[in-house]
Protein backbone atom coordinates (compact mmCIF):
# COMPACT_ATOMS: atom_id res chain seq x y z
CA UNK A 1 0.42 0.20 0.06
CA UNK A 2 1.03 3.55 0.02
CA UNK A 3 3.44 4.13 3.42
CA UNK A 4 4.27 1.70 6.11
CA UNK A 5 2.87 -0.64 8.58
CA UNK A 6 6.70 -0.42 9.97
CA UNK A 7 7.37 -4.02 9.65
CA UNK A 8 9.84 -3.14 6.86
CA UNK A 9 13.29 -1.49 6.72
CA UNK A 10 12.89 -0.24 3.67
CA UNK A 11 9.12 0.20 3.84
CA UNK A 12 9.55 4.42 4.31
CA UNK A 13 12.54 4.71 1.68
CA UNK A 14 10.27 3.14 -0.71
CA UNK A 15 6.79 4.81 -0.08
CA UNK A 16 8.69 8.28 -0.56
CA UNK A 17 10.57 7.14 -4.20
CA UNK A 18 7.15 5.91 -4.91
CA UNK A 19 5.49 9.97 -3.77
CA UNK A 20 8.46 11.60 -5.38
CA UNK A 21 7.68 9.51 -8.91
CA UNK A 22 3.94 10.21 -8.96
CA UNK A 23 4.91 14.00 -7.89
CA UNK A 24 6.99 13.82 -10.84
CA UNK A 25 3.97 12.65 -12.92
CA UNK A 26 1.80 15.63 -12.43
CA UNK A 27 0.64 17.99 -14.78
CA UNK A 28 1.29 21.24 -12.67
CA UNK A 29 -1.90 23.02 -13.49
CA UNK A 30 -3.82 19.90 -12.08
CA UNK A 31 -2.31 21.20 -8.64
CA UNK A 32 -5.10 24.37 -8.77
CA UNK A 33 -7.50 21.31 -8.69
CA UNK A 34 -8.41 17.79 -7.10
CA UNK A 35 -6.82 14.96 -6.00
CA UNK A 36 -7.34 11.52 -5.29
CA UNK A 37 -5.24 8.50 -3.62
CA UNK A 38 -6.66 5.32 -3.99
CA UNK A 39 -5.45 2.96 -0.94
CA UNK A 40 -3.35 6.08 1.10
CA UNK A 41 -2.27 3.66 3.75
CA UNK A 42 -3.15 4.66 7.73
CA UNK A 43 -0.35 7.25 7.09
CA UNK A 44 -0.61 9.49 3.74
CA UNK A 45 3.15 10.45 2.94
CA UNK A 46 2.17 11.19 -0.41
CA UNK A 47 -1.34 13.50 0.46
CA UNK A 48 0.88 14.85 3.07
CA UNK A 49 3.37 15.88 0.65
CA UNK A 50 1.75 16.77 -2.70
CA UNK A 51 0.75 19.98 -3.56
CA UNK A 52 -3.29 19.88 -5.07
CA UNK A 53 -6.19 22.96 -2.96
CA UNK A 54 -8.04 19.40 -2.03
CA UNK A 55 -7.24 16.02 -1.29
CA UNK A 56 -9.17 12.82 -0.71
CA UNK A 57 -7.18 9.83 0.29
CA UNK A 58 -9.05 5.64 0.29
CA UNK A 59 -8.27 3.44 2.35
CA UNK A 60 -9.34 0.93 4.85
CA UNK A 61 -9.27 2.63 7.40
CA UNK A 62 -10.49 3.41 10.74
CA UNK A 63 -12.69 6.35 12.29
CA UNK A 64 -9.36 7.31 14.47
CA UNK A 65 -7.53 7.07 11.84
CA UNK A 66 -9.34 8.56 9.20
CA UNK A 67 -9.81 11.92 11.35
CA UNK A 68 -6.11 12.42 12.51
CA UNK A 69 -5.22 14.16 9.20
CA UNK A 70 -8.69 15.87 8.56
CA UNK A 71 -7.83 19.84 8.92
CA UNK A 72 -4.42 19.70 6.70
CA UNK A 73 -6.25 20.07 3.77
CA UNK A 74 -6.28 16.08 3.21
CA UNK A 75 -10.34 14.15 3.26
CA UNK A 76 -9.62 10.70 4.00
CA UNK A 77 -12.99 8.26 3.62
CA UNK A 78 -13.03 4.41 4.86
CA UNK A 79 -13.53 2.53 1.89
CA UNK A 80 -12.35 -0.77 0.09
CA UNK A 81 -13.07 -1.98 -4.00
CA UNK A 82 -13.43 -5.26 -3.64
CA UNK A 83 -16.25 -4.44 -1.13
CA UNK A 84 -17.57 -1.39 -2.10
CA UNK A 85 -19.55 -1.00 -6.17
CA UNK A 86 -18.68 2.09 -6.75
CA UNK A 87 -16.27 5.50 -5.18
CA UNK A 88 -18.02 7.69 -3.09
CA UNK A 89 -17.63 10.67 -5.66
CA UNK A 90 -19.69 12.18 -8.42
CA UNK A 91 -18.58 11.82 -11.80
CA UNK A 92 -15.89 13.69 -12.91
CA UNK A 93 -15.07 14.86 -10.28
CA UNK A 94 -10.73 14.77 -9.52
CA UNK A 95 -8.26 15.81 -11.78
CA UNK A 96 -5.87 13.36 -11.19
CA UNK A 97 -6.43 9.66 -9.29
CA UNK A 98 -3.53 7.82 -8.17
CA UNK A 99 -2.45 4.15 -7.22
CA UNK A 100 0.41 3.84 -5.29
CA UNK A 101 1.44 0.12 -4.90
CA UNK A 102 -1.93 -0.65 -4.49
CA UNK A 103 -2.99 -2.50 -7.98
CA UNK A 104 -1.26 -5.97 -6.54
CA UNK A 105 -3.57 -5.84 -3.52
CA UNK A 106 -6.83 -6.10 -5.89
CA UNK A 107 -7.84 -8.54 -6.07
CA UNK A 108 -8.09 -8.86 -10.24
CA UNK A 109 -11.97 -9.94 -10.45
CA UNK A 110 -12.23 -6.39 -9.48
CA UNK A 111 -9.64 -4.41 -11.06
CA UNK A 112 -11.66 -4.24 -14.70
CA UNK A 113 -14.71 -2.42 -12.65
CA UNK A 114 -12.65 -0.60 -9.65
CA UNK A 115 -11.03 1.36 -13.31
CA UNK A 116 -14.14 1.87 -14.91
CA UNK A 117 -14.40 3.80 -11.25
CA UNK A 118 -11.43 6.05 -11.86
CA UNK A 119 -12.32 6.65 -15.22
CA UNK A 120 -15.68 7.59 -13.81
CA UNK A 121 -14.84 10.16 -11.05
CA UNK A 122 -11.61 11.48 -13.31
CA UNK A 123 -12.20 14.86 -14.87
CA UNK A 124 -11.42 15.34 -19.02
CA UNK A 125 -8.15 15.84 -19.55
CA UNK A 126 -7.45 14.02 -15.77
CA UNK A 127 -4.85 11.45 -15.03
CA UNK A 128 -4.70 9.13 -13.86
CA UNK A 129 -1.49 7.22 -12.63
CA UNK A 130 -0.41 4.09 -10.93
CA UNK A 131 2.49 2.18 -9.54
CA UNK A 132 3.22 -1.41 -9.25
CA UNK A 133 5.69 -3.38 -8.81
CA UNK A 134 7.45 -5.70 -12.27
CA UNK A 135 6.01 -9.19 -12.51
CA UNK A 136 10.12 -10.13 -12.93
CA UNK A 137 10.12 -9.19 -9.07
CA UNK A 138 8.01 -11.83 -7.30
CA UNK A 139 10.61 -13.87 -6.16
CA UNK A 140 12.75 -11.30 -5.25
CA UNK A 141 9.84 -9.54 -2.78
CA UNK A 142 9.74 -12.60 -1.56
CA UNK A 143 13.27 -13.23 -0.34
CA UNK A 144 13.04 -9.63 0.95
CA UNK A 145 9.84 -10.38 2.93
CA UNK A 146 12.05 -12.85 4.39
CA UNK A 147 14.47 -11.26 5.65
CA UNK A 148 12.10 -8.27 6.66
CA UNK A 149 13.64 -5.76 4.27
CA UNK A 150 10.11 -5.72 3.34
CA UNK A 151 6.96 -5.58 4.88
CA UNK A 152 5.36 -9.15 5.33
CA UNK A 153 1.91 -9.06 5.22
CA UNK A 154 2.20 -6.11 2.21
CA UNK A 155 3.98 -9.28 0.07
CA UNK A 156 1.46 -12.16 1.42
CA UNK A 157 -1.47 -9.85 0.43
CA UNK A 158 -0.58 -9.51 -3.40
CA UNK A 159 -3.02 -10.76 -5.37
CA UNK A 160 -1.09 -10.46 -8.82
CA UNK A 161 1.74 -9.86 -11.30
CA UNK A 162 1.70 -7.68 -13.41
CA UNK A 163 4.04 -6.00 -17.06
CA UNK A 164 2.70 -3.14 -18.49
CA UNK A 165 0.88 -5.06 -21.71
CA UNK A 166 -1.77 -6.85 -18.79
CA UNK A 167 -2.16 -3.53 -17.54
CA UNK A 168 -3.14 -1.51 -20.64
CA UNK A 169 -5.29 -4.62 -21.70
CA UNK A 170 -7.17 -3.82 -18.31
CA UNK A 171 -6.87 0.21 -18.50
CA UNK A 172 -8.64 0.00 -22.08
CA UNK A 173 -11.12 -2.65 -20.91
CA UNK A 174 -12.03 0.24 -18.51
CA UNK A 175 -12.29 2.19 -21.31
CA UNK A 176 -9.13 4.39 -21.52
CA UNK A 177 -8.16 4.52 -24.97
CA UNK A 178 -4.39 2.94 -26.08
CA UNK A 179 -3.02 6.06 -27.39
CA UNK A 180 -3.92 8.13 -23.67
CA UNK A 181 -1.62 5.36 -21.67
CA UNK A 182 2.65 6.45 -20.83
CA UNK A 183 4.27 3.79 -19.23
CA UNK A 184 7.99 2.98 -17.31
CA UNK A 185 10.00 1.38 -14.69
CA UNK A 186 11.55 2.99 -11.73
CA UNK A 187 13.93 1.82 -9.24
CA UNK A 188 16.18 -0.34 -11.72
CA UNK A 189 13.69 -2.21 -13.08
CA UNK A 190 11.61 -3.49 -10.34
CA UNK A 191 8.14 -1.24 -10.42
CA UNK A 192 6.06 -0.18 -12.89
CA UNK A 193 4.96 3.31 -13.18
CA UNK A 194 1.44 3.68 -16.16
CA UNK A 195 0.40 7.11 -16.60
CA UNK A 196 -3.21 8.23 -18.92
CA UNK A 197 -4.97 10.83 -19.58
CA UNK A 198 -8.76 10.86 -19.80
């Protein structure tokens, strides 16, 4: 997910790298609008460090966890893509939607529905940015988890592995156009990033 549970030595460092990458992919013109970070975590580091007029986060959280960041221009909402069919926002509400190290935590059967909802809540011209581990890193991540360099719980919750081609296919099923999709690697080719416009 977005930020550490405190179980892995590298978790905070990796969360900062993801946040920095996502922040660089956001168009400057979008920052006067609204951002949604799906899977923001119990400590929404990305939302706390990115510049936006209005910031929203979604995750499976308790009331206390949600309230501690209210008032910092951050609004945290309790939501699970696997348990709820719709995102709790109107059509075209967000300029940017992000999912940083979250894609791999959603059951594949719910991914297209989740992406359709992302598409729905994005404004025309808005951006969706996601990061996920590269498929080839699955064995390496399990080794790092056994050494507690990354969170064993987080790695154990991965539901699938992804390539750019597989992600592009899912985005197209959800209504995004292939010509609007950009992608690349970061962290020594260990992670994928994808950015798509509506």
